C-alpha cells in the first residue's frame, strides 16, 4: 500500500472534476459528494507554509478508499 501524501487543493479539485465528484464547504471542513450526489466523507484542507492550501494525507486516503469502492482509480487519469 502506497503512503498518501498531502496534495495542493487546486490539484485535488482537478482530480474531483475528472471523477465527476464535488466538494462543498461544510461548517468546519469540506464535504465530498460522488457523481450521484451522495455524501461520502469530510475532507480537511490544511494551511501549511503561509498561504499554501493542501488536502491532508488522511483525507487523500479516504478519497482513495471511496474510489476503490466505486471501481475508480486514484489519482484519476484524463479521459
N, C-alpha and C. Protein backbone atom coordinates (compact mmCIF):
# COMPACT_ATOMS: atom_id res chain seq x y z
N UNK A 1 0.84 -1.18 0.00
CA UNK A 1 0.00 0.00 0.00
C UNK A 1 0.88 1.24 0.00
N UNK A 2 0.61 2.14 -0.96
CA UNK A 2 1.43 3.34 -1.01
C UNK A 2 0.96 4.36 0.02
N UNK A 3 1.89 5.14 0.51
CA UNK A 3 1.56 6.14 1.53
C UNK A 3 0.97 7.37 0.85
N UNK A 4 -0.13 7.84 1.38
CA UNK A 4 -0.76 9.04 0.84
C UNK A 4 0.01 10.26 1.31
N UNK A 5 0.16 11.22 0.43
CA UNK A 5 0.83 12.47 0.76
C UNK A 5 -0.15 13.60 0.54
N UNK A 6 0.01 14.69 1.28
CA UNK A 6 -0.84 15.86 1.03
C UNK A 6 -0.63 16.36 -0.40
N UNK A 7 -1.71 16.83 -1.02
CA UNK A 7 -1.58 17.42 -2.36
C UNK A 7 -2.22 18.80 -2.34
N UNK A 8 -1.76 19.69 -3.22
CA UNK A 8 -2.34 21.04 -3.27
C UNK A 8 -3.84 20.99 -3.56
N UNK A 9 -4.56 21.93 -2.98
CA UNK A 9 -6.02 21.97 -3.13
C UNK A 9 -6.44 22.05 -4.59
N UNK A 10 -5.76 22.87 -5.40
CA UNK A 10 -6.17 23.01 -6.80
C UNK A 10 -6.01 21.70 -7.57
N UNK A 11 -4.98 20.92 -7.25
CA UNK A 11 -4.77 19.62 -7.91
C UNK A 11 -5.87 18.63 -7.51
N UNK A 12 -6.22 18.62 -6.23
CA UNK A 12 -7.28 17.75 -5.72
C UNK A 12 -8.61 18.06 -6.41
N UNK A 13 -8.92 19.36 -6.53
CA UNK A 13 -10.17 19.77 -7.18
C UNK A 13 -10.18 19.37 -8.65
N UNK A 14 -9.03 19.42 -9.30
CA UNK A 14 -8.94 19.00 -10.70
C UNK A 14 -9.25 17.50 -10.82
N UNK A 15 -8.71 16.70 -9.90
CA UNK A 15 -8.98 15.26 -9.89
C UNK A 15 -10.47 14.99 -9.68
N UNK A 16 -11.09 15.72 -8.76
CA UNK A 16 -12.52 15.53 -8.48
C UNK A 16 -13.36 15.84 -9.72
N UNK A 17 -12.99 16.88 -10.47
CA UNK A 17 -13.73 17.22 -11.69
C UNK A 17 -13.66 16.07 -12.70
N UNK A 18 -12.49 15.44 -12.80
CA UNK A 18 -12.33 14.31 -13.73
C UNK A 18 -13.27 13.17 -13.32
N UNK A 19 -13.39 12.93 -12.00
CA UNK A 19 -14.26 11.86 -11.50
C UNK A 19 -15.75 12.22 -11.58
N UNK A 20 -16.05 13.50 -11.68
CA UNK A 20 -17.44 13.95 -11.65
C UNK A 20 -17.94 14.13 -10.22
N UNK A 21 -17.02 14.20 -9.26
CA UNK A 21 -17.36 14.40 -7.85
C UNK A 21 -17.27 15.88 -7.53
N UNK A 22 -17.79 16.27 -6.35
CA UNK A 22 -17.72 17.68 -5.96
C UNK A 22 -17.40 17.83 -4.48
N UNK A 23 -16.90 19.00 -4.14
CA UNK A 23 -16.51 19.33 -2.78
C UNK A 23 -17.27 20.59 -2.40
N UNK A 24 -17.96 20.55 -1.25
CA UNK A 24 -18.72 21.71 -0.77
C UNK A 24 -18.24 22.08 0.62
N UNK A 25 -18.25 23.37 0.89
CA UNK A 25 -17.84 23.85 2.22
C UNK A 25 -18.89 23.46 3.23
N UNK A 26 -18.47 22.79 4.30
CA UNK A 26 -19.35 22.45 5.41
C UNK A 26 -19.17 23.46 6.52
N UNK A 27 -19.61 23.13 7.72
CA UNK A 27 -19.47 24.07 8.83
C UNK A 27 -18.01 24.29 9.21
N UNK A 28 -17.22 23.21 9.24
CA UNK A 28 -15.80 23.35 9.58
C UNK A 28 -14.91 22.83 8.45
N UNK A 29 -15.21 21.64 7.96
CA UNK A 29 -14.42 21.03 6.90
C UNK A 29 -15.17 21.14 5.58
N UNK A 30 -14.76 20.34 4.62
CA UNK A 30 -15.43 20.28 3.33
C UNK A 30 -16.11 18.92 3.21
N UNK A 31 -17.22 18.86 2.50
CA UNK A 31 -17.95 17.61 2.31
C UNK A 31 -17.73 17.12 0.89
N UNK A 32 -17.42 15.83 0.77
CA UNK A 32 -17.17 15.21 -0.53
C UNK A 32 -18.42 14.46 -0.96
N UNK A 33 -18.86 14.71 -2.20
CA UNK A 33 -20.03 14.04 -2.77
C UNK A 33 -19.62 13.35 -4.05
N UNK A 34 -20.21 12.16 -4.30
CA UNK A 34 -19.91 11.46 -5.55
C UNK A 34 -20.76 12.01 -6.68
N UNK A 35 -20.66 11.40 -7.86
CA UNK A 35 -21.39 11.87 -9.03
C UNK A 35 -22.90 11.78 -8.90
N UNK A 36 -23.39 10.93 -7.99
CA UNK A 36 -24.83 10.77 -7.77
C UNK A 36 -25.34 11.72 -6.69
N UNK A 37 -24.46 12.54 -6.14
CA UNK A 37 -24.85 13.49 -5.11
C UNK A 37 -24.89 12.91 -3.71
N UNK A 38 -24.35 11.69 -3.53
CA UNK A 38 -24.34 11.06 -2.21
C UNK A 38 -23.13 11.54 -1.41
N UNK A 39 -23.37 11.87 -0.13
CA UNK A 39 -22.29 12.28 0.75
C UNK A 39 -21.36 11.10 0.99
N UNK A 40 -20.04 11.33 0.86
CA UNK A 40 -19.06 10.27 1.10
C UNK A 40 -18.33 10.47 2.42
N UNK A 41 -17.74 11.64 2.62
CA UNK A 41 -16.98 11.88 3.85
C UNK A 41 -16.62 13.35 3.97
N UNK A 42 -15.99 13.70 5.10
CA UNK A 42 -15.48 15.06 5.30
C UNK A 42 -14.03 15.10 4.87
N UNK A 43 -13.65 16.21 4.28
CA UNK A 43 -12.29 16.40 3.78
C UNK A 43 -11.68 17.60 4.51
N UNK A 44 -10.45 17.43 4.98
CA UNK A 44 -9.76 18.51 5.68
C UNK A 44 -8.75 19.15 4.73
N UNK A 45 -8.75 20.47 4.72
CA UNK A 45 -7.78 21.22 3.93
C UNK A 45 -6.93 22.01 4.91
N UNK A 46 -5.64 21.69 4.93
CA UNK A 46 -4.72 22.35 5.86
C UNK A 46 -4.07 23.57 5.24
N UNK A 47 -3.59 24.45 6.09
CA UNK A 47 -2.92 25.66 5.65
C UNK A 47 -1.46 25.55 6.08
N UNK A 48 -0.64 25.10 5.17
CA UNK A 48 0.77 24.87 5.50
C UNK A 48 1.64 25.93 4.83
N UNK A 49 2.70 26.31 5.49
CA UNK A 49 3.71 27.21 4.92
C UNK A 49 3.10 28.46 4.29
N UNK A 50 2.55 29.31 5.11
CA UNK A 50 2.00 30.56 4.60
C UNK A 50 0.61 30.37 4.03
N UNK A 51 0.46 30.73 2.75
CA UNK A 51 -0.86 30.69 2.12
C UNK A 51 -1.15 29.38 1.40
N UNK A 52 -0.21 28.47 1.39
CA UNK A 52 -0.36 27.21 0.66
C UNK A 52 -1.45 26.35 1.29
N UNK A 53 -2.44 25.95 0.50
CA UNK A 53 -3.54 25.12 1.00
C UNK A 53 -3.38 23.71 0.43
N UNK A 54 -3.39 22.72 1.33
CA UNK A 54 -3.22 21.32 0.92
C UNK A 54 -4.31 20.46 1.54
N UNK A 55 -4.73 19.45 0.77
CA UNK A 55 -5.63 18.44 1.30
C UNK A 55 -4.76 17.48 2.10
N UNK A 56 -5.11 17.25 3.37
CA UNK A 56 -4.26 16.45 4.26
C UNK A 56 -4.23 14.99 3.83
N UNK A 57 -3.17 14.29 4.24
CA UNK A 57 -2.96 12.89 3.83
C UNK A 57 -4.11 11.98 4.24
N UNK A 58 -4.67 12.19 5.43
CA UNK A 58 -5.78 11.36 5.89
C UNK A 58 -6.97 11.47 4.93
N UNK A 59 -7.24 12.67 4.44
CA UNK A 59 -8.35 12.87 3.51
C UNK A 59 -8.06 12.24 2.14
N UNK A 60 -6.79 12.23 1.74
CA UNK A 60 -6.40 11.57 0.49
C UNK A 60 -6.65 10.07 0.61
N UNK A 61 -6.32 9.49 1.78
CA UNK A 61 -6.57 8.05 2.00
C UNK A 61 -8.06 7.74 1.92
N UNK A 62 -8.88 8.61 2.54
CA UNK A 62 -10.34 8.42 2.49
C UNK A 62 -10.83 8.44 1.04
N UNK A 63 -10.36 9.42 0.28
CA UNK A 63 -10.78 9.56 -1.12
C UNK A 63 -10.38 8.33 -1.92
N UNK A 64 -9.17 7.84 -1.70
CA UNK A 64 -8.68 6.65 -2.38
C UNK A 64 -9.57 5.46 -2.07
N UNK A 65 -9.96 5.31 -0.80
CA UNK A 65 -10.82 4.20 -0.38
C UNK A 65 -12.17 4.26 -1.09
N UNK A 66 -12.77 5.44 -1.17
CA UNK A 66 -14.07 5.58 -1.83
C UNK A 66 -13.96 5.34 -3.34
N UNK A 67 -12.84 5.74 -3.93
CA UNK A 67 -12.62 5.47 -5.36
C UNK A 67 -12.57 3.96 -5.61
N UNK A 68 -11.84 3.24 -4.74
CA UNK A 68 -11.74 1.79 -4.89
C UNK A 68 -13.10 1.13 -4.75
N UNK A 69 -13.93 1.62 -3.81
CA UNK A 69 -15.27 1.08 -3.63
C UNK A 69 -16.12 1.22 -4.89
N UNK A 70 -15.93 2.33 -5.59
CA UNK A 70 -16.73 2.60 -6.80
C UNK A 70 -16.04 2.10 -8.07
N UNK A 71 -14.92 1.41 -7.92
CA UNK A 71 -14.22 0.84 -9.07
C UNK A 71 -13.45 1.87 -9.88
N UNK A 72 -13.05 2.97 -9.25
CA UNK A 72 -12.29 4.02 -9.92
C UNK A 72 -10.86 4.01 -9.43
N UNK A 73 -9.97 4.65 -10.18
CA UNK A 73 -8.58 4.72 -9.76
C UNK A 73 -8.28 6.12 -9.22
N UNK A 74 -7.39 6.17 -8.24
CA UNK A 74 -6.94 7.45 -7.67
C UNK A 74 -5.44 7.53 -7.75
N UNK A 75 -4.83 8.57 -8.25
CA UNK A 75 -5.49 9.71 -8.87
C UNK A 75 -6.00 9.34 -10.27
N UNK A 76 -7.10 9.94 -10.68
CA UNK A 76 -7.69 9.60 -11.99
C UNK A 76 -6.82 10.11 -13.13
N UNK A 77 -6.90 9.43 -14.24
CA UNK A 77 -6.20 9.84 -15.45
C UNK A 77 -7.19 10.57 -16.33
N UNK A 78 -6.68 11.53 -17.10
CA UNK A 78 -7.57 12.25 -18.02
C UNK A 78 -8.11 11.27 -19.05
N UNK A 79 -9.36 11.46 -19.40
CA UNK A 79 -10.02 10.53 -20.34
C UNK A 79 -9.66 10.89 -21.76
